[in-house]
Amino acid sequence: MNRTIPGIIEVEGREFFYFETLAGEGFDEILDEALAGSTDLPLPKSGGVIEEKVRILLDSNVSLLGVSYKGDLAGWRAKLVAYCNAKHRKWGNVSEQKLVLSDGRELVLGECDVVFDG
């Protein structure tokens, strides 16, 4: 079955976000840490985050997990970015079919090395 890389097709009211994970880490563990951390940032007011069951592999052996969120887009984005920055992890937002990374690189989603889970 061919799957579309999350973020290639824009979905109104939903943002796609990719962030670096370490071996053995699970989505729920990371989300709990992201929400508990950065206490100066309020919790998102509405919506939620789902794991997209996709990873983008970068050239430097870095694996980025794909998630998406809806509702309080700015609140979810702020919590995830703060978590990544505090943990010194790469992250990226999807914009116009590109993954714009925290290190300044822009990758065309359709050209990325992608692995779909289950």
PDB file of N, CA and C in Angstrom:
ATOM      1  N   MET A   1       0.841  -1.180   0.000  1.00  0.00           N
ATOM      2  CA  MET A   1       0.000   0.000   0.000  1.00  0.00           C
ATOM      3  C   MET A   1       0.887   1.245   0.000  1.00  0.00           C
ATOM      4  N   ASN A   2       0.627   2.150  -0.878  1.00  0.00           N
ATOM      5  CA  ASN A   2       1.337   3.424  -0.925  1.00  0.00           C
ATOM      6  C   ASN A   2       0.695   4.403   0.041  1.00  0.00           C
ATOM      7  N   ARG A   3       1.506   5.025   0.890  1.00  0.00           N
ATOM      8  CA  ARG A   3       0.989   6.021   1.823  1.00  0.00           C
ATOM      9  C   ARG A   3       1.566   7.378   1.477  1.00  0.00           C
ATOM     10  N   THR A   4       0.799   8.387   1.736  1.00  0.00           N
ATOM     11  CA  THR A   4       1.234   9.757   1.520  1.00  0.00           C
ATOM     12  C   THR A   4       1.972  10.235   2.764  1.00  0.00           C
ATOM     13  N   ILE A   5       3.070  10.924   2.570  1.00  0.00           N
ATOM     14  CA  ILE A   5       3.830  11.465   3.694  1.00  0.00           C
ATOM     15  C   ILE A   5       2.975  12.531   4.377  1.00  0.00           C
ATOM     16  N   PRO A   6       2.727  12.375   5.684  1.00  0.00           N
ATOM     17  CA  PRO A   6       1.935  13.378   6.394  1.00  0.00           C
ATOM     18  C   PRO A   6       2.522  14.774   6.236  1.00  0.00           C
ATOM     19  N   GLY A   7       1.688  15.680   5.794  1.00  0.00           N
ATOM     20  CA  GLY A   7       2.095  17.057   5.577  1.00  0.00           C
ATOM     21  C   GLY A   7       2.143  17.439   4.111  1.00  0.00           C
ATOM     22  N   ILE A   8       2.264  16.448   3.220  1.00  0.00           N
ATOM     23  CA  ILE A   8       2.273  16.764   1.785  1.00  0.00           C
ATOM     24  C   ILE A   8       0.924  17.354   1.377  1.00  0.00           C
ATOM     25  N   ILE A   9      -0.141  16.764   1.909  1.00  0.00           N
ATOM     26  CA  ILE A   9      -1.477  17.292   1.640  1.00  0.00           C
ATOM     27  C   ILE A   9      -1.876  18.154   2.825  1.00  0.00           C
ATOM     28  N   GLU A  10      -2.149  19.421   2.564  1.00  0.00           N
ATOM     29  CA  GLU A  10      -2.536  20.340   3.625  1.00  0.00           C
ATOM     30  C   GLU A  10      -3.924  19.967   4.139  1.00  0.00           C
ATOM     31  N   VAL A  11      -4.075  19.989   5.458  1.00  0.00           N
ATOM     32  CA  VAL A  11      -5.349  19.702   6.101  1.00  0.00           C
ATOM     33  C   VAL A  11      -5.724  20.927   6.922  1.00  0.00           C
ATOM     34  N   GLU A  12      -6.835  21.544   6.574  1.00  0.00           N
ATOM     35  CA  GLU A  12      -7.255  22.754   7.267  1.00  0.00           C
ATOM     36  C   GLU A  12      -7.432  22.477   8.757  1.00  0.00           C
ATOM     37  N   GLY A  13      -6.848  23.339   9.583  1.00  0.00           N
ATOM     38  CA  GLY A  13      -6.982  23.213  11.024  1.00  0.00           C
ATOM     39  C   GLY A  13      -6.028  22.228  11.667  1.00  0.00           C
ATOM     40  N   ARG A  14      -5.092  21.683  10.911  1.00  0.00           N
ATOM     41  CA  ARG A  14      -4.132  20.705  11.444  1.00  0.00           C
ATOM     42  C   ARG A  14      -2.736  21.086  10.973  1.00  0.00           C
ATOM     43  N   GLU A  15      -1.747  20.992  11.874  1.00  0.00           N
ATOM     44  CA  GLU A  15      -0.348  21.207  11.512  1.00  0.00           C
ATOM     45  C   GLU A  15       0.418  19.913  11.670  1.00  0.00           C
ATOM     46  N   PHE A  16       1.420  19.757  10.831  1.00  0.00           N
ATOM     47  CA  PHE A  16       2.286  18.578  10.862  1.00  0.00           C
ATOM     48  C   PHE A  16       3.650  19.007  11.368  1.00  0.00           C
ATOM     49  N   PHE A  17       4.206  18.207  12.264  1.00  0.00           N
ATOM     50  CA  PHE A  17       5.431  18.543  12.974  1.00  0.00           C
ATOM     51  C   PHE A  17       6.282  17.282  13.069  1.00  0.00           C
ATOM     52  N   TYR A  18       7.570  17.428  12.873  1.00  0.00           N
ATOM     53  CA  TYR A  18       8.510  16.300  12.964  1.00  0.00           C
ATOM     54  C   TYR A  18       9.573  16.660  13.986  1.00  0.00           C
ATOM     55  N   PHE A  19       9.914  15.709  14.881  1.00  0.00           N
ATOM     56  CA  PHE A  19      10.938  16.004  15.877  1.00  0.00           C
ATOM     57  C   PHE A  19      11.815  14.785  16.126  1.00  0.00           C
ATOM     58  N   GLU A  20      13.052  15.078  16.505  1.00  0.00           N
ATOM     59  CA  GLU A  20      14.062  14.038  16.719  1.00  0.00           C
ATOM     60  C   GLU A  20      13.714  13.189  17.940  1.00  0.00           C
ATOM     61  N   THR A  21      13.841  11.877  17.759  1.00  0.00           N
ATOM     62  CA  THR A  21      13.647  10.949  18.866  1.00  0.00           C
ATOM     63  C   THR A  21      14.900  10.099  19.023  1.00  0.00           C
ATOM     64  N   LEU A  22      15.056   9.569  20.209  1.00  0.00           N
ATOM     65  CA  LEU A  22      16.176   8.681  20.495  1.00  0.00           C
ATOM     66  C   LEU A  22      15.671   7.245  20.524  1.00  0.00           C
ATOM     67  N   ALA A  23      16.562   6.295  20.320  1.00  0.00           N
ATOM     68  CA  ALA A  23      16.188   4.877  20.316  1.00  0.00           C
ATOM     69  C   ALA A  23      15.477   4.518  21.616  1.00  0.00           C
ATOM     70  N   GLY A  24      14.375   3.819  21.491  1.00  0.00           N
ATOM     71  CA  GLY A  24      13.638   3.337  22.643  1.00  0.00           C
ATOM     72  C   GLY A  24      12.604   4.292  23.203  1.00  0.00           C
ATOM     73  N   GLU A  25      12.576   5.528  22.723  1.00  0.00           N
ATOM     74  CA  GLU A  25      11.589   6.479  23.218  1.00  0.00           C
ATOM     75  C   GLU A  25      10.248   6.264  22.528  1.00  0.00           C
ATOM     76  N   GLY A  26       9.193   6.415  23.290  1.00  0.00           N
ATOM     77  CA  GLY A  26       7.866   6.302  22.734  1.00  0.00           C
ATOM     78  C   GLY A  26       7.177   7.655  22.651  1.00  0.00           C
ATOM     79  N   PHE A  27       6.193   7.736  21.781  1.00  0.00           N
ATOM     80  CA  PHE A  27       5.444   8.973  21.577  1.00  0.00           C
ATOM     81  C   PHE A  27       4.805   9.467  22.871  1.00  0.00           C
ATOM     82  N   ASP A  28       4.145   8.582  23.609  1.00  0.00           N
ATOM     83  CA  ASP A  28       3.445   8.999  24.826  1.00  0.00           C
ATOM     84  C   ASP A  28       4.407   9.585  25.852  1.00  0.00           C
ATOM     85  N   GLU A  29       5.572   8.965  25.988  1.00  0.00           N
ATOM     86  CA  GLU A  29       6.593   9.448  26.928  1.00  0.00           C
ATOM     87  C   GLU A  29       7.044  10.864  26.547  1.00  0.00           C
ATOM     88  N   ILE A  30       7.301  11.071  25.286  1.00  0.00           N
ATOM     89  CA  ILE A  30       7.761  12.382  24.815  1.00  0.00           C
ATOM     90  C   ILE A  30       6.675  13.428  25.000  1.00  0.00           C
ATOM     91  N   LEU A  31       5.441  13.087  24.646  1.00  0.00           N
ATOM     92  CA  LEU A  31       4.340  14.043  24.779  1.00  0.00           C
ATOM     93  C   LEU A  31       4.141  14.438  26.244  1.00  0.00           C
ATOM     94  N   ASP A  32       4.201  13.467  27.152  1.00  0.00           N
ATOM     95  CA  ASP A  32       4.061  13.767  28.576  1.00  0.00           C
ATOM     96  C   ASP A  32       5.148  14.735  29.038  1.00  0.00           C
ATOM     97  N   GLU A  33       6.385  14.491  28.604  1.00  0.00           N
ATOM     98  CA  GLU A  33       7.498  15.380  28.973  1.00  0.00           C
ATOM     99  C   GLU A  33       7.321  16.766  28.374  1.00  0.00           C
ATOM    100  N   ALA A  34       6.864  16.829  27.135  1.00  0.00           N
ATOM    101  CA  ALA A  34       6.674  18.117  26.474  1.00  0.00           C
ATOM    102  C   ALA A  34       5.606  18.946  27.183  1.00  0.00           C
ATOM    103  N   LEU A  35       4.526  18.301  27.595  1.00  0.00           N
ATOM    104  CA  LEU A  35       3.454  19.031  28.274  1.00  0.00           C
ATOM    105  C   LEU A  35       3.843  19.445  29.686  1.00  0.00           C
ATOM    106  N   ALA A  36       4.638  18.619  30.373  1.00  0.00           N
ATOM    107  CA  ALA A  36       5.058  18.924  31.743  1.00  0.00           C
ATOM    108  C   ALA A  36       6.182  19.959  31.780  1.00  0.00           C
ATOM    109  N   GLY A  37       6.977  20.017  30.711  1.00  0.00           N
ATOM    110  CA  GLY A  37       8.104  20.938  30.668  1.00  0.00           C
ATOM    111  C   GLY A  37       7.679  22.352  30.301  1.00  0.00           C
ATOM    112  N   SER A  38       8.635  23.237  30.305  1.00  0.00           N
ATOM    113  CA  SER A  38       8.402  24.643  29.952  1.00  0.00           C
ATOM    114  C   SER A  38       7.178  25.185  30.678  1.00  0.00           C
ATOM    115  N   THR A  39       7.260  25.172  32.004  1.00  0.00           N
ATOM    116  CA  THR A  39       6.116  25.576  32.815  1.00  0.00           C
ATOM    117  C   THR A  39       5.721  27.040  32.614  1.00  0.00           C
ATOM    118  N   ASP A  40       6.602  27.820  31.989  1.00  0.00           N
ATOM    119  CA  ASP A  40       6.256  29.207  31.689  1.00  0.00           C
ATOM    120  C   ASP A  40       5.273  29.310  30.522  1.00  0.00           C
ATOM    121  N   LEU A  41       5.128  28.222  29.768  1.00  0.00           N
ATOM    122  CA  LEU A  41       4.173  28.191  28.656  1.00  0.00           C
ATOM    123  C   LEU A  41       2.880  27.534  29.117  1.00  0.00           C
ATOM    124  N   PRO A  42       1.736  28.136  28.812  1.00  0.00           N
ATOM    125  CA  PRO A  42       0.475  27.498  29.212  1.00  0.00           C
ATOM    126  C   PRO A  42       0.226  26.225  28.405  1.00  0.00           C
ATOM    127  N   LEU A  43      -0.556  25.330  28.978  1.00  0.00           N
ATOM    128  CA  LEU A  43      -0.978  24.137  28.244  1.00  0.00           C
ATOM    129  C   LEU A  43      -1.875  24.567  27.089  1.00  0.00           C
ATOM    130  N   PRO A  44      -1.839  23.825  25.979  1.00  0.00           N
ATOM    131  CA  PRO A  44      -2.746  24.143  24.871  1.00  0.00           C
ATOM    132  C   PRO A  44      -4.196  24.138  25.364  1.00  0.00           C
ATOM    133  N   LYS A  45      -4.976  25.076  24.842  1.00  0.00           N
ATOM    134  CA  LYS A  45      -6.348  25.264  25.309  1.00  0.00           C
ATOM    135  C   LYS A  45      -7.332  24.263  24.726  1.00  0.00           C
ATOM    136  N   SER A  46      -7.002  23.691  23.573  1.00  0.00           N
ATOM    137  CA  SER A  46      -7.943  22.761  22.936  1.00  0.00           C
ATOM    138  C   SER A  46      -7.194  21.865  21.960  1.00  0.00           C
ATOM    139  N   GLY A  47      -7.900  20.837  21.508  1.00  0.00           N
ATOM    140  CA  GLY A  47      -7.347  19.951  20.489  1.00  0.00           C
ATOM    141  C   GLY A  47      -6.489  18.851  21.078  1.00  0.00           C
ATOM    142  N   GLY A  48      -5.611  18.323  20.239  1.00  0.00           N
ATOM    143  CA  GLY A  48      -4.755  17.235  20.654  1.00  0.00           C
ATOM    144  C   GLY A  48      -3.703  16.916  19.617  1.00  0.00           C
ATOM    145  N   VAL A  49      -2.824  15.999  19.986  1.00  0.00           N
ATOM    146  CA  VAL A  49      -1.718  15.567  19.133  1.00  0.00           C
ATOM    147  C   VAL A  49      -1.890  14.083  18.844  1.00  0.00           C
ATOM    148  N   ILE A  50      -1.623  13.690  17.596  1.00  0.00           N
ATOM    149  CA  ILE A  50      -1.607  12.270  17.250  1.00  0.00           C
ATOM    150  C   ILE A  50      -0.288  11.936  16.576  1.00  0.00           C
ATOM    151  N   GLU A  51       0.157  10.713  16.807  1.00  0.00           N
ATOM    152  CA  GLU A  51       1.353  10.209  16.128  1.00  0.00           C
ATOM    153  C   GLU A  51       0.930   9.789  14.727  1.00  0.00           C
ATOM    154  N   GLU A  52       1.702  10.177  13.729  1.00  0.00           N
ATOM    155  CA  GLU A  52       1.371   9.871  12.336  1.00  0.00           C
ATOM    156  C   GLU A  52       1.965   8.556  11.849  1.00  0.00           C
ATOM    157  N   LYS A  53       2.687   7.832  12.722  1.00  0.00           N
ATOM    158  CA  LYS A  53       3.275   6.528  12.379  1.00  0.00           C
ATOM    159  C   LYS A  53       4.224   6.632  11.182  1.00  0.00           C
ATOM    160  N   VAL A  54       5.046   7.685  11.194  1.00  0.00           N
ATOM    161  CA  VAL A  54       6.013   7.901  10.123  1.00  0.00           C
ATOM    162  C   VAL A  54       7.281   8.503  10.714  1.00  0.00           C
ATOM    163  N   ARG A  55       8.403   8.136  10.109  1.00  0.00           N
ATOM    164  CA  ARG A  55       9.694   8.710  10.491  1.00  0.00           C
ATOM    165  C   ARG A  55      10.410   9.188   9.239  1.00  0.00           C
ATOM    166  N   ILE A  56      11.071  10.317   9.369  1.00  0.00           N
ATOM    167  CA  ILE A  56      11.938  10.818   8.302  1.00  0.00           C
ATOM    168  C   ILE A  56      13.363  10.640   8.799  1.00  0.00           C
ATOM    169  N   LEU A  57      14.177   9.971   7.979  1.00  0.00           N
ATOM    170  CA  LEU A  57      15.566   9.720   8.333  1.00  0.00           C
ATOM    171  C   LEU A  57      16.434  10.781   7.671  1.00  0.00           C
ATOM    172  N   LEU A  58      17.199  11.496   8.483  1.00  0.00           N
ATOM    173  CA  LEU A  58      18.100  12.513   7.955  1.00  0.00           C
ATOM    174  C   LEU A  58      19.451  11.894   7.660  1.00  0.00           C
ATOM    175  N   ASP A  59      20.249  12.588   6.882  1.00  0.00           N
ATOM    176  CA  ASP A  59      21.555  12.085   6.464  1.00  0.00           C
ATOM    177  C   ASP A  59      22.505  11.829   7.629  1.00  0.00           C
ATOM    178  N   SER A  60      22.262  12.436   8.759  1.00  0.00           N
ATOM    179  CA  SER A  60      23.175  12.294   9.897  1.00  0.00           C
ATOM    180  C   SER A  60      22.685  11.234  10.895  1.00  0.00           C
ATOM    181  N   ASN A  61      21.941  10.242  10.415  1.00  0.00           N
ATOM    182  CA  ASN A  61      21.402   9.173  11.253  1.00  0.00           C
ATOM    183  C   ASN A  61      20.435   9.673  12.318  1.00  0.00           C
ATOM    184  N   VAL A  62      19.798  10.789  12.043  1.00  0.00           N
ATOM    185  CA  VAL A  62      18.787  11.341  12.934  1.00  0.00           C
ATOM    186  C   VAL A  62      17.423  10.909  12.410  1.00  0.00           C
ATOM    187  N   SER A  63      16.584  10.455  13.342  1.00  0.00           N
ATOM    188  CA  SER A  63      15.228  10.022  12.998  1.00  0.00           C
ATOM    189  C   SER A  63      14.234  11.030  13.554  1.00  0.00           C
ATOM    190  N   LEU A  64      13.377  11.547  12.667  1.00  0.00           N
ATOM    191  CA  LEU A  64      12.346  12.506  13.073  1.00  0.00           C
ATOM    192  C   LEU A  64      10.992  11.818  13.046  1.00  0.00           C
ATOM    193  N   LEU A  65      10.300  11.847  14.159  1.00  0.00           N
ATOM    194  CA  LEU A  65       8.969  11.267  14.275  1.00  0.00           C
ATOM    195  C   LEU A  65       7.933  12.286  13.825  1.00  0.00           C
ATOM    196  N   GLY A  66       6.976  11.846  13.021  1.00  0.00           N
ATOM    197  CA  GLY A  66       5.921  12.730  12.548  1.00  0.00           C
ATOM    198  C   GLY A  66       4.702  12.689  13.444  1.00  0.00           C
ATOM    199  N   VAL A  67       4.219  13.872  13.801  1.00  0.00           N
ATOM    200  CA  VAL A  67       2.977  14.014  14.550  1.00  0.00           C
ATOM    201  C   VAL A  67       2.159  15.116  13.891  1.00  0.00           C
ATOM    202  N   SER A  68       0.903  15.194  14.258  1.00  0.00           N
ATOM    203  CA  SER A  68       0.090  16.332  13.848  1.00  0.00           C
ATOM    204  C   SER A  68      -0.784  16.723  15.022  1.00  0.00           C
ATOM    205  N   TYR A  69      -1.219  17.968  14.994  1.00  0.00           N
ATOM    206  CA  TYR A  69      -2.061  18.472  16.075  1.00  0.00           C
ATOM    207  C   TYR A  69      -3.110  19.404  15.503  1.00  0.00           C
ATOM    208  N   LYS A  70      -4.192  19.552  16.279  1.00  0.00           N
ATOM    209  CA  LYS A  70      -5.269  20.450  15.878  1.00  0.00           C
ATOM    210  C   LYS A  70      -5.755  21.182  17.120  1.00  0.00           C
ATOM    211  N   GLY A  71      -6.632  22.121  16.931  1.00  0.00           N
ATOM    212  CA  GLY A  71      -7.139  22.909  18.055  1.00  0.00           C
ATOM    213  C   GLY A  71      -6.271  24.133  18.244  1.00  0.00           C
ATOM    214  N   ASP A  72      -5.673  24.258  19.412  1.00  0.00           N
ATOM    215  CA  ASP A  72      -4.801  25.382  19.748  1.00  0.00           C
ATOM    216  C   ASP A  72      -3.442  25.170  19.074  1.00  0.00           C
ATOM    217  N   LEU A  73      -3.373  25.485  17.778  1.00  0.00           N
ATOM    218  CA  LEU A  73      -2.152  25.220  17.001  1.00  0.00           C
ATOM    219  C   LEU A  73      -0.927  25.897  17.608  1.00  0.00           C
ATOM    220  N   ALA A  74      -1.069  27.166  17.974  1.00  0.00           N
ATOM    221  CA  ALA A  74       0.071  27.897  18.533  1.00  0.00           C
ATOM    222  C   ALA A  74       0.510  27.283  19.863  1.00  0.00           C
ATOM    223  N   GLY A  75      -0.436  26.846  20.676  1.00  0.00           N
ATOM    224  CA  GLY A  75      -0.111  26.244  21.969  1.00  0.00           C
ATOM    225  C   GLY A  75       0.623  24.923  21.828  1.00  0.00           C
ATOM    226  N   TRP A  76       0.133  24.058  20.936  1.00  0.00           N
ATOM    227  CA  TRP A  76       0.806  22.766  20.707  1.00  0.00           C
ATOM    228  C   TRP A  76       2.193  22.979  20.115  1.00  0.00           C
ATOM    229  N   ARG A  77       2.287  23.867  19.129  1.00  0.00           N
ATOM    230  CA  ARG A  77       3.580  24.137  18.496  1.00  0.00           C
ATOM    231  C   ARG A  77       4.576  24.652  19.538  1.00  0.00           C
ATOM    232  N   ALA A  78       4.143  25.593  20.377  1.00  0.00           N
ATOM    233  CA  ALA A  78       5.036  26.183  21.383  1.00  0.00           C
ATOM    234  C   ALA A  78       5.552  25.120  22.349  1.00  0.00           C
ATOM    235  N   LYS A  79       4.693  24.226  22.807  1.00  0.00           N
ATOM    236  CA  LYS A  79       5.121  23.183  23.749  1.00  0.00           C
ATOM    237  C   LYS A  79       6.106  22.210  23.096  1.00  0.00           C
ATOM    238  N   LEU A  80       5.829  21.805  21.858  1.00  0.00           N
ATOM    239  CA  LEU A  80       6.723  20.860  21.183  1.00  0.00           C
ATOM    240  C   LEU A  80       8.068  21.493  20.850  1.00  0.00           C
ATOM    241  N   VAL A  81       8.057  22.729  20.380  1.00  0.00           N
ATOM    242  CA  VAL A  81       9.308  23.421  20.064  1.00  0.00           C
ATOM    243  C   VAL A  81      10.126  23.626  21.342  1.00  0.00           C
ATOM    244  N   ALA A  82       9.476  24.037  22.417  1.00  0.00           N
ATOM    245  CA  ALA A  82      10.191  24.253  23.686  1.00  0.00           C
ATOM    246  C   ALA A  82      10.826  22.959  24.177  1.00  0.00           C
ATOM    247  N   TYR A  83      10.100  21.842  24.056  1.00  0.00           N
ATOM    248  CA  TYR A  83      10.642  20.547  24.459  1.00  0.00           C
ATOM    249  C   TYR A  83      11.893  20.217  23.640  1.00  0.00           C
ATOM    250  N   CYS A  84      11.777  20.357  22.332  1.00  0.00           N
ATOM    251  CA  CYS A  84      12.914  20.035  21.447  1.00  0.00           C
ATOM    252  C   CYS A  84      14.110  20.926  21.745  1.00  0.00           C
ATOM    253  N   ASN A  85      13.863  22.212  21.918  1.00  0.00           N
ATOM    254  CA  ASN A  85      14.960  23.133  22.199  1.00  0.00           C
ATOM    255  C   ASN A  85      15.628  22.808  23.538  1.00  0.00           C
ATOM    256  N   ALA A  86      14.828  22.478  24.556  1.00  0.00           N
ATOM    257  CA  ALA A  86      15.377  22.154  25.879  1.00  0.00           C
ATOM    258  C   ALA A  86      16.210  20.875  25.834  1.00  0.00           C
ATOM    259  N   LYS A  87      15.823  19.937  24.970  1.00  0.00           N
ATOM    260  CA  LYS A  87      16.520  18.653  24.857  1.00  0.00           C
ATOM    261  C   LYS A  87      17.572  18.656  23.744  1.00  0.00           C
ATOM    262  N   HIS A  88      17.766  19.802  23.088  1.00  0.00           N
ATOM    263  CA  HIS A  88      18.735  19.948  21.995  1.00  0.00           C
ATOM    264  C   HIS A  88      18.452  18.962  20.862  1.00  0.00           C
ATOM    265  N   ARG A  89      17.189  18.933  20.442  1.00  0.00           N
ATOM    266  CA  ARG A  89      16.769  18.026  19.375  1.00  0.00           C
ATOM    267  C   ARG A  89      16.318  18.806  18.152  1.00  0.00           C
ATOM    268  N   LYS A  90      16.593  18.236  17.001  1.00  0.00           N
ATOM    269  CA  LYS A  90      16.138  18.840  15.757  1.00  0.00           C
ATOM    270  C   LYS A  90      14.623  18.688  15.659  1.00  0.00           C
ATOM    271  N   TRP A  91      14.000  19.646  15.004  1.00  0.00           N
ATOM    272  CA  TRP A  91      12.571  19.582  14.769  1.00  0.00           C
ATOM    273  C   TRP A  91      12.266  20.333  13.476  1.00  0.00           C
ATOM    274  N   GLY A  92      11.084  20.106  12.941  1.00  0.00           N
ATOM    275  CA  GLY A  92      10.699  20.790  11.720  1.00  0.00           C
ATOM    276  C   GLY A  92       9.199  20.906  11.578  1.00  0.00           C
ATOM    277  N   ASN A  93       8.793  21.988  10.926  1.00  0.00           N
ATOM    278  CA  ASN A  93       7.395  22.220  10.553  1.00  0.00           C
ATOM    279  C   ASN A  93       7.251  21.993   9.065  1.00  0.00           C
ATOM    280  N   VAL A  94       6.077  21.594   8.666  1.00  0.00           N
ATOM    281  CA  VAL A  94       5.796  21.421   7.246  1.00  0.00           C
ATOM    282  C   VAL A  94       5.195  22.705   6.709  1.00  0.00           C
ATOM    283  N   SER A  95       5.748  23.167   5.588  1.00  0.00           N
ATOM    284  CA  SER A  95       5.248  24.363   4.926  1.00  0.00           C
ATOM    285  C   SER A  95       5.421  24.192   3.420  1.00  0.00           C
ATOM    286  N   GLU A  96       4.316  24.264   2.702  1.00  0.00           N
ATOM    287  CA  GLU A  96       4.334  24.175   1.240  1.00  0.00           C
ATOM    288  C   GLU A  96       5.098  22.944   0.752  1.00  0.00           C
ATOM    289  N   GLN A  97       4.773  21.791   1.317  1.00  0.00           N
ATOM    290  CA  GLN A  97       5.341  20.488   0.953  1.00  0.00           C
ATOM    291  C   GLN A  97       6.838  20.381   1.235  1.00  0.00           C
ATOM    292  N   LYS A  98       7.332  21.250   2.114  1.00  0.00           N
ATOM    293  CA  LYS A  98       8.731  21.185   2.548  1.00  0.00           C
ATOM    294  C   LYS A  98       8.768  21.020   4.052  1.00  0.00           C
ATOM    295  N   LEU A  99       9.799  20.340   4.511  1.00  0.00           N
ATOM    296  CA  LEU A  99      10.065  20.231   5.935  1.00  0.00           C
ATOM    297  C   LEU A  99      11.130  21.279   6.252  1.00  0.00           C
ATOM    298  N   VAL A 100      10.734  22.298   6.997  1.00  0.00           N
ATOM    299  CA  VAL A 100      11.635  23.385   7.368  1.00  0.00           C
ATOM    300  C   VAL A 100      12.196  23.045   8.744  1.00  0.00           C
ATOM    301  N   LEU A 101      13.496  22.713   8.771  1.00  0.00           N
ATOM    302  CA  LEU A 101      14.132  22.215   9.985  1.00  0.00           C
ATOM    303  C   LEU A 101      14.652  23.333  10.882  1.00  0.00           C
ATOM    304  N   SER A 102      14.780  23.022  12.149  1.00  0.00           N
ATOM    305  CA  SER A 102      15.266  23.985  13.137  1.00  0.00           C
ATOM    306  C   SER A 102      16.698  24.418  12.877  1.00  0.00           C
ATOM    307  N   ASP A 103      17.459  23.635  12.114  1.00  0.00           N
ATOM    308  CA  ASP A 103      18.841  24.023  11.796  1.00  0.00           C
ATOM    309  C   ASP A 103      18.923  24.863  10.519  1.00  0.00           C
ATOM    310  N   GLY A 104      17.765  25.248   9.977  1.00  0.00           N
ATOM    311  CA  GLY A 104      17.730  26.124   8.810  1.00  0.00           C
ATOM    312  C   GLY A 104      17.576  25.424   7.476  1.00  0.00           C
ATOM    313  N   ARG A 105      17.736  24.108   7.450  1.00  0.00           N
ATOM    314  CA  ARG A 105      17.586  23.377   6.190  1.00  0.00           C
ATOM    315  C   ARG A 105      16.116  23.268   5.800  1.00  0.00           C
ATOM    316  N   GLU A 106      15.892  23.167   4.497  1.00  0.00           N
ATOM    317  CA  GLU A 106      14.565  22.913   3.961  1.00  0.00           C
ATOM    318  C   GLU A 106      14.642  21.675   3.086  1.00  0.00           C
ATOM    319  N   LEU A 107      13.807  20.674   3.382  1.00  0.00           N
ATOM    320  CA  LEU A 107      13.795  19.425   2.641  1.00  0.00           C
ATOM    321  C   LEU A 107      12.450  19.268   1.944  1.00  0.00           C
ATOM    322  N   VAL A 108      12.467  18.891   0.684  1.00  0.00           N
ATOM    323  CA  VAL A 108      11.230  18.588  -0.033  1.00  0.00           C
ATOM    324  C   VAL A 108      10.711  17.267   0.509  1.00  0.00           C
ATOM    325  N   LEU A 109       9.494  17.242   1.036  1.00  0.00           N
ATOM    326  CA  LEU A 109       8.970  16.034   1.666  1.00  0.00           C
ATOM    327  C   LEU A 109       9.015  14.832   0.738  1.00  0.00           C
ATOM    328  N   GLY A 110       8.643  15.030  -0.507  1.00  0.00           N
ATOM    329  CA  GLY A 110       8.613  13.918  -1.464  1.00  0.00           C
ATOM    330  C   GLY A 110       9.966  13.313  -1.761  1.00  0.00           C
ATOM    331  N   GLU A 111      11.049  13.994  -1.370  1.00  0.00           N
ATOM    332  CA  GLU A 111      12.397  13.508  -1.610  1.00  0.00           C
ATOM    333  C   GLU A 111      13.073  12.974  -0.353  1.00  0.00           C
ATOM    334  N   CYS A 112      12.356  12.953   0.757  1.00  0.00           N
ATOM    335  CA  CYS A 112      12.923  12.504   2.028  1.00  0.00           C
ATOM    336  C   CYS A 112      12.959  10.973   2.103  1.00  0.00           C
ATOM    337  N   ASP A 113      13.875  10.477   2.928  1.00  0.00           N
ATOM    338  CA  ASP A 113      13.958   9.050   3.229  1.00  0.00           C
ATOM    339  C   ASP A 113      12.941   8.773   4.328  1.00  0.00           C
ATOM    340  N   VAL A 114      11.821   8.123   3.981  1.00  0.00           N
ATOM    341  CA  VAL A 114      10.680   7.974   4.870  1.00  0.00           C
ATOM    342  C   VAL A 114      10.438   6.514   5.214  1.00  0.00           C
ATOM    343  N   VAL A 115      10.137   6.253   6.485  1.00  0.00           N
ATOM    344  CA  VAL A 115       9.782   4.911   6.949  1.00  0.00           C
ATOM    345  C   VAL A 115       8.430   5.010   7.636  1.00  0.00           C
ATOM    346  N   PHE A 116       7.485   4.182   7.191  1.00  0.00           N
ATOM    347  CA  PHE A 116       6.168   4.145   7.817  1.00  0.00           C
ATOM    348  C   PHE A 116       6.137   3.000   8.820  1.00  0.00           C
ATOM    349  N   ASP A 117       5.610   3.273  10.002  1.00  0.00           N
ATOM    350  CA  ASP A 117       5.457   2.259  11.046  1.00  0.00           C
ATOM    351  C   ASP A 117       4.086   1.593  10.870  1.00  0.00           C
ATOM    352  N   GLY A 118       4.069   0.287  11.056  1.00  0.00           N
ATOM    353  CA  GLY A 118       2.833  -0.493  11.050  1.00  0.00           C
ATOM    354  C   GLY A 118       1.875  -0.019  10.082  1.00  0.00           C
TER     355      GLY A 118
END
